[in-house]
Amino acid sequence: MALAPSNRTNSSSSSFSLMGIPGLEASHVWMGIPFCSMYIIALLGNSMILLIVRLDQTLHEPMYYFLCMLAVIDLVMATSIVPKMLGIFWLNSVEIAFDACFTQMFFVHSVTAAESGVLLAMAFDRYVAICYPLRYQAILTGQKVTQIGLAILLRAALVMTPVTWMVKRLPYCGSNMIAHSYCEQMSVVGLACADPQAVNQYGVVGSTLIVGTDTAFISMSYGMILRAVLRLAEKEARLKAIGTCGSHLCVMLLYYIPGMASIYTQSFGRGVARRTQVLLADLYLTLLPMLNPVIYSMRTKQVKDAVLKVFGPKKDPV
């Protein structure tokens, strides 16, 4: 079905109202505390990653440049929703301008697509480092890392720009109350007066293609990594190689499993309570940015050593 032309409701002066977490409005004040805490930890943790990579020359390698990309994406992801969410919870600031709503939608879905791309790049980085260690610096040059980063952003923008435009062009002539704490695509199109099936299908298919393609290549990369590791003669070398991939695997599992659960619950979870769907989406977009720097700081020796070097107690010169 063709999209209906936009009507008078689709103007820059129009606005939506965000409900927060449906059914838990009485607990909003208290629920804001953990979300605020997670946001602060995410800001501090990801800023710390960016700072130590900037200050420590030993971290000026492709792996840590990709980690910086992940940190920037996590900062944008959390900042896209948490400040407005806290405004709803604590100040009852439920109104959001029409254009601001679609801008938020674009950023939220674009950064989640970009994060998948960065995780794929990090898997490729580990594949090259372990399977072709002597050619690592020649393959992943600074220029190549920059090109990969730009390609990740371009892909995310190319996927999300059409769907955001399609959602914005739908006519909204009824209720303006979004049953969510941010402008989530499925919740917004549910308010449209026209049939949003084409938009919903595009969103689900686009997300599935991105995740499916990326996870397929990530699986291939780690399959070849595992094969190369098992061929190593020394047990210590095998353990070291597996250890370098451990943090990446943890982050990937945290990203893909809850992320796909959230997408398909929003799309097909008619039997799942609405507040459960919203809580799952909110936690996914706030927990992940908080946990990523914690995982890399604790599981990656070079990052841990750099943190101690920058923030640890200084030794007195002898």
Protein backbone atom coordinates (compact mmCIF):
# COMPACT_ATOMS: atom_id res chain seq x y z
CA MET A 1 0.00 0.00 0.00
CA ALA A 2 1.31 3.45 -0.86
CA LEU A 3 2.01 5.77 2.00
CA ALA A 4 -0.59 8.44 2.48
CA PRO A 5 0.51 12.05 2.12
CA SER A 6 1.28 13.89 5.32
CA ASN A 7 -1.55 15.96 6.78
CA ARG A 8 -1.74 18.99 8.99
CA THR A 9 -0.65 16.99 12.07
CA ASN A 10 2.77 16.48 10.49
CA SER A 11 4.07 19.96 11.07
CA SER A 12 7.01 21.32 13.00
CA SER A 13 4.65 22.71 15.65
CA SER A 14 3.04 19.32 16.31
CA SER A 15 4.14 17.14 19.19
CA PHE A 16 3.75 13.72 20.71
CA SER A 17 3.47 12.74 24.37
CA LEU A 18 5.59 9.93 25.80
CA MET A 19 3.88 7.73 28.37
CA GLY A 20 7.06 6.38 29.95
CA ILE A 21 6.60 2.78 31.07
CA PRO A 22 2.87 1.90 30.71
CA GLY A 23 1.35 0.50 33.86
CA LEU A 24 4.25 1.59 36.05
CA GLU A 25 3.60 5.35 36.11
CA ALA A 26 3.32 5.33 39.92
CA SER A 27 6.87 3.96 40.16
CA HIS A 28 8.48 6.36 37.67
CA VAL A 29 10.23 8.44 40.33
CA TRP A 30 11.95 5.40 41.83
CA MET A 31 12.67 3.77 38.48
CA GLY A 32 14.53 6.88 37.40
CA ILE A 33 17.24 6.21 40.00
CA PRO A 34 18.72 3.03 38.44
CA PHE A 35 18.44 4.47 34.92
CA CYS A 36 20.22 7.64 36.03
CA SER A 37 22.92 5.56 37.74
CA MET A 38 23.44 3.43 34.64
CA TYR A 39 23.66 6.56 32.49
CA ILE A 40 26.29 8.16 34.72
CA ILE A 41 28.36 4.95 34.72
CA ALA A 42 28.03 4.76 30.93
CA LEU A 43 29.19 8.37 30.54
CA LEU A 44 32.16 7.89 32.87
CA GLY A 45 33.14 4.46 31.54
CA ASN A 46 33.03 5.29 27.86
CA SER A 47 34.70 8.67 28.38
CA MET A 48 37.44 6.84 30.28
CA ILE A 49 37.96 4.47 27.33
CA LEU A 50 38.32 7.42 24.94
CA LEU A 51 40.71 9.19 27.31
CA ILE A 52 43.06 6.30 27.98
CA VAL A 53 43.30 5.38 24.29
CA ARG A 54 44.12 9.02 23.58
CA LEU A 55 46.78 9.25 26.30
CA ASP A 56 48.41 5.81 26.16
CA GLN A 57 50.60 5.33 23.07
CA THR A 58 50.56 1.54 23.49
CA LEU A 59 46.84 1.56 22.70
CA HIS A 60 47.23 3.31 19.36
CA GLU A 61 46.31 0.15 17.46
CA PRO A 62 43.31 -0.81 15.28
CA MET A 63 41.70 -2.90 18.02
CA TYR A 64 41.52 0.10 20.37
CA TYR A 65 40.41 2.48 17.62
CA PHE A 66 37.44 0.19 17.06
CA LEU A 67 36.89 0.18 20.83
CA CYS A 68 36.78 4.00 20.70
CA MET A 69 34.16 3.80 17.95
CA LEU A 70 32.12 1.51 20.19
CA ALA A 71 32.48 3.96 23.09
CA VAL A 72 31.26 6.90 20.98
CA ILE A 73 28.29 4.86 19.73
CA ASP A 74 27.40 3.88 23.31
CA LEU A 75 27.56 7.52 24.43
CA VAL A 76 25.21 8.56 21.62
CA MET A 77 22.91 5.58 22.27
CA ALA A 78 22.45 6.32 25.96
CA THR A 79 22.25 10.09 25.51
CA SER A 80 19.58 9.71 22.83
CA ILE A 81 17.03 8.35 25.31
CA VAL A 82 18.04 8.62 28.98
CA PRO A 83 17.86 12.42 29.53
CA LYS A 84 14.36 12.56 28.04
CA MET A 85 13.39 9.42 29.96
CA LEU A 86 14.49 11.01 33.24
CA GLY A 87 12.53 14.13 32.32
CA ILE A 88 9.42 11.95 32.00
CA PHE A 89 10.10 10.08 35.25
CA TRP A 90 11.06 13.03 37.45
CA LEU A 91 9.63 16.19 35.86
CA ASN A 92 6.58 14.81 34.04
CA SER A 93 8.05 16.32 30.86
CA VAL A 94 6.15 14.01 28.53
CA GLU A 95 5.88 16.23 25.45
CA ILE A 96 8.33 15.84 22.58
CA ALA A 97 8.25 17.88 19.38
CA PHE A 98 7.31 16.11 16.17
CA ASP A 99 10.70 16.64 14.50
CA ALA A 100 12.58 15.88 17.73
CA CYS A 101 10.74 12.57 17.99
CA PHE A 102 11.81 11.45 14.54
CA THR A 103 15.34 12.71 15.11
CA GLN A 104 15.51 10.60 18.27
CA MET A 105 14.13 7.60 16.36
CA PHE A 106 16.77 8.02 13.66
CA PHE A 107 19.66 8.23 16.13
CA VAL A 108 18.49 5.33 18.31
CA HIS A 109 18.08 2.92 15.42
CA SER A 110 21.13 4.19 13.50
CA VAL A 111 23.52 3.73 16.44
CA THR A 112 22.22 0.22 17.12
CA ALA A 113 22.89 -0.65 13.45
CA ALA A 114 26.32 1.02 13.68
CA GLU A 115 27.18 -0.93 16.82
CA SER A 116 26.57 -4.18 14.97
CA GLY A 117 28.95 -2.99 12.27
CA VAL A 118 31.64 -2.13 14.82
CA LEU A 119 31.31 -5.56 16.43
CA LEU A 120 31.83 -7.11 13.00
CA ALA A 121 34.91 -4.92 12.48
CA MET A 122 36.29 -5.98 15.87
CA ALA A 123 35.79 -9.65 14.97
CA PHE A 124 37.66 -9.07 11.70
CA ASP A 125 40.42 -7.30 13.65
CA ARG A 126 40.87 -10.32 15.94
CA TYR A 127 40.80 -12.66 12.93
CA VAL A 128 43.65 -10.77 11.23
CA ALA A 129 45.62 -10.41 14.49
CA ILE A 130 45.49 -14.13 15.29
CA CYS A 131 45.51 -15.71 11.83
CA TYR A 132 47.88 -13.25 10.12
CA PRO A 133 49.91 -11.67 12.94
CA LEU A 134 52.88 -10.73 10.73
CA ARG A 135 50.65 -8.86 8.28
CA TYR A 136 48.38 -7.26 10.90
CA GLN A 137 49.81 -3.73 10.68
CA ALA A 138 49.97 -3.88 6.88
CA ILE A 139 46.34 -5.00 6.51
CA LEU A 140 44.71 -2.79 9.13
CA THR A 141 46.38 0.54 8.47
CA GLY A 142 45.08 3.79 9.94
CA GLN A 143 43.52 4.67 6.59
CA LYS A 144 41.79 1.28 6.40
CA VAL A 145 40.38 1.67 9.93
CA THR A 146 39.01 5.10 8.98
CA GLN A 147 37.42 3.68 5.84
CA ILE A 148 35.80 0.88 7.83
CA GLY A 149 34.42 3.39 10.33
CA LEU A 150 32.96 5.56 7.56
CA ALA A 151 31.45 2.51 5.87
CA ILE A 152 29.76 1.50 9.15
CA LEU A 153 28.21 4.96 9.54
CA LEU A 154 27.14 5.09 5.90
CA ARG A 155 25.44 1.71 6.08
CA ALA A 156 23.52 2.69 9.22
CA ALA A 157 22.40 5.97 7.64
CA LEU A 158 21.36 4.29 4.37
CA VAL A 159 19.23 1.75 6.22
CA MET A 160 17.60 4.16 8.68
CA THR A 161 17.02 7.27 6.54
CA PRO A 162 14.32 5.66 4.33
CA VAL A 163 12.40 4.13 7.23
CA THR A 164 12.50 7.37 9.23
CA TRP A 165 11.24 9.28 6.19
CA MET A 166 8.47 6.73 5.67
CA VAL A 167 7.35 6.95 9.30
CA LYS A 168 7.39 10.74 9.22
CA ARG A 169 5.26 10.85 6.07
CA LEU A 170 2.48 8.81 7.65
CA PRO A 171 -0.63 10.81 8.65
CA TYR A 172 -1.13 11.21 12.41
CA CYS A 173 -4.65 12.43 13.05
CA GLY A 174 -5.67 10.61 16.23
CA SER A 175 -4.08 10.19 19.64
CA ASN A 176 -0.58 11.62 20.10
CA MET A 177 0.26 9.47 23.16
CA ILE A 178 3.18 7.13 22.51
CA ALA A 179 3.06 4.11 24.85
CA HIS A 180 6.81 4.14 25.32
CA SER A 181 9.58 6.09 27.05
CA TYR A 182 11.21 7.11 23.75
CA CYS A 183 10.15 7.37 20.11
CA GLU A 184 10.40 3.70 19.28
CA GLN A 185 9.41 3.02 15.67
CA MET A 186 6.66 0.43 16.24
CA SER A 187 5.05 2.54 18.95
CA VAL A 188 5.02 5.66 16.79
CA VAL A 189 3.60 4.03 13.65
CA GLY A 190 0.86 2.53 15.82
CA LEU A 191 -0.58 6.04 16.06
CA ALA A 192 -0.80 6.52 12.29
CA CYS A 193 -4.16 6.75 10.55
CA ALA A 194 -2.82 4.87 7.51
CA ASP A 195 -1.76 1.24 7.25
CA PRO A 196 1.82 1.08 8.59
CA GLN A 197 2.46 -2.50 7.44
CA ALA A 198 5.01 -1.50 4.79
CA VAL A 199 7.01 0.53 7.32
CA ASN A 200 6.93 -2.24 9.91
CA GLN A 201 8.01 -4.85 7.40
CA TYR A 202 10.87 -2.65 6.19
CA GLY A 203 12.06 -2.13 9.77
CA VAL A 204 11.97 -5.82 10.68
CA VAL A 205 13.54 -6.98 7.41
CA GLY A 206 16.24 -4.29 7.59
CA SER A 207 17.15 -5.19 11.17
CA THR A 208 17.13 -8.90 10.39
CA LEU A 209 19.37 -8.46 7.35
CA ILE A 210 21.90 -6.34 9.26
CA VAL A 211 22.02 -8.66 12.24
CA GLY A 212 21.91 -11.82 10.12
CA THR A 213 24.71 -10.69 7.80
CA ASP A 214 26.91 -9.41 10.61
CA THR A 215 26.45 -12.47 12.83
CA ALA A 216 27.18 -14.76 9.88
CA PHE A 217 30.51 -13.03 9.17
CA ILE A 218 31.32 -12.81 12.90
CA SER A 219 30.69 -16.54 13.24
CA MET A 220 32.94 -17.23 10.26
CA SER A 221 35.69 -15.04 11.75
CA TYR A 222 35.59 -16.77 15.12
CA GLY A 223 35.37 -20.18 13.49
CA MET A 224 38.63 -19.48 11.65
CA ILE A 225 40.12 -17.99 14.82
CA LEU A 226 39.25 -21.14 16.77
CA ARG A 227 40.80 -23.33 14.08
CA ALA A 228 44.00 -21.25 14.13
CA VAL A 229 44.14 -21.27 17.95
CA LEU A 230 43.80 -25.06 18.15
CA ARG A 231 46.80 -25.40 15.85
CA LEU A 232 49.05 -23.48 18.25
CA ALA A 233 51.58 -25.77 19.89
CA GLU A 234 51.86 -24.04 23.27
CA LYS A 235 48.97 -24.13 25.72
CA GLU A 236 49.86 -20.67 27.05
CA ALA A 237 49.68 -19.21 23.55
CA ARG A 238 46.26 -20.82 23.01
CA LEU A 239 44.93 -19.42 26.27
CA LYS A 240 46.28 -15.95 25.48
CA ALA A 241 44.66 -15.96 22.04
CA ILE A 242 41.32 -17.12 23.45
CA GLY A 243 41.57 -14.51 26.21
CA THR A 244 41.94 -11.67 23.74
CA CYS A 245 38.63 -12.69 22.14
CA GLY A 246 36.73 -13.26 25.39
CA SER A 247 35.69 -9.65 25.94
CA HIS A 248 34.53 -9.33 22.34
CA LEU A 249 32.38 -12.44 22.62
CA CYS A 250 30.80 -11.20 25.87
CA VAL A 251 29.88 -7.85 24.29
CA MET A 252 28.51 -9.54 21.16
CA LEU A 253 26.29 -11.84 23.19
CA LEU A 254 25.05 -8.86 25.24
CA TYR A 255 24.27 -6.97 22.04
CA TYR A 256 22.68 -9.55 19.77
CA ILE A 257 20.61 -11.73 22.11
CA PRO A 258 18.73 -8.99 24.04
CA GLY A 259 18.64 -6.79 20.93
CA MET A 260 16.87 -9.32 18.74
CA ALA A 261 14.62 -10.28 21.65
CA SER A 262 13.61 -6.62 21.97
CA ILE A 263 13.01 -6.18 18.22
CA TYR A 264 10.88 -9.29 17.81
CA THR A 265 9.00 -8.69 21.06
CA GLN A 266 8.05 -5.21 19.86
CA SER A 267 7.04 -6.59 16.45
CA PHE A 268 5.33 -9.88 17.22
CA GLY A 269 4.97 -10.09 21.01
CA ARG A 270 1.23 -9.58 21.25
CA GLY A 271 1.10 -11.86 24.28
CA VAL A 272 3.86 -9.96 26.10
CA ALA A 273 2.76 -7.20 28.47
CA ARG A 274 3.40 -3.72 27.10
CA ARG A 275 5.40 -2.65 30.15
CA THR A 276 7.66 -5.69 29.69
CA GLN A 277 8.33 -4.72 26.08
CA VAL A 278 9.17 -1.13 27.05
CA LEU A 279 11.36 -2.16 29.99
CA LEU A 280 13.27 -4.61 27.81
CA ALA A 281 13.92 -1.91 25.19
CA ASP A 282 14.93 0.67 27.81
CA LEU A 283 17.29 -1.69 29.61
CA TYR A 284 18.85 -2.79 26.33
CA LEU A 285 19.71 0.80 25.39
CA THR A 286 21.09 1.70 28.82
CA LEU A 287 22.66 -1.51 30.16
CA LEU A 288 24.77 -2.14 27.07
CA PRO A 289 26.53 1.28 27.10
CA MET A 290 27.19 0.82 30.81
CA LEU A 291 28.55 -2.74 30.59
CA ASN A 292 30.76 -2.44 27.50
CA PRO A 293 33.52 -0.31 29.11
CA VAL A 294 33.33 -2.39 32.31
CA ILE A 295 33.84 -5.62 30.35
CA TYR A 296 36.76 -4.27 28.34
CA SER A 297 38.39 -2.71 31.40
CA MET A 298 38.19 -5.93 33.40
CA ARG A 299 38.87 -8.54 30.69
CA THR A 300 41.45 -6.81 28.47
CA LYS A 301 44.86 -6.65 30.14
CA GLN A 302 46.16 -3.77 28.02
CA VAL A 303 43.10 -1.63 28.83
CA LYS A 304 43.30 -2.54 32.51
CA ASP A 305 47.00 -1.63 32.63
CA ALA A 306 46.34 1.67 30.84
CA VAL A 307 43.55 2.55 33.30
CA LEU A 308 45.88 1.88 36.23
CA LYS A 309 48.64 3.89 34.58
CA VAL A 310 46.40 6.93 34.00
CA PHE A 311 44.21 6.83 37.09
CA GLY A 312 46.23 4.71 39.55
CA PRO A 313 48.47 6.09 42.30
CA LYS A 314 51.70 7.58 41.03
CA LYS A 315 54.89 6.03 42.31
CA ASP A 316 57.41 8.37 43.88
CA PRO A 317 60.64 8.55 41.90
CA VAL A 318 63.50 6.78 43.63
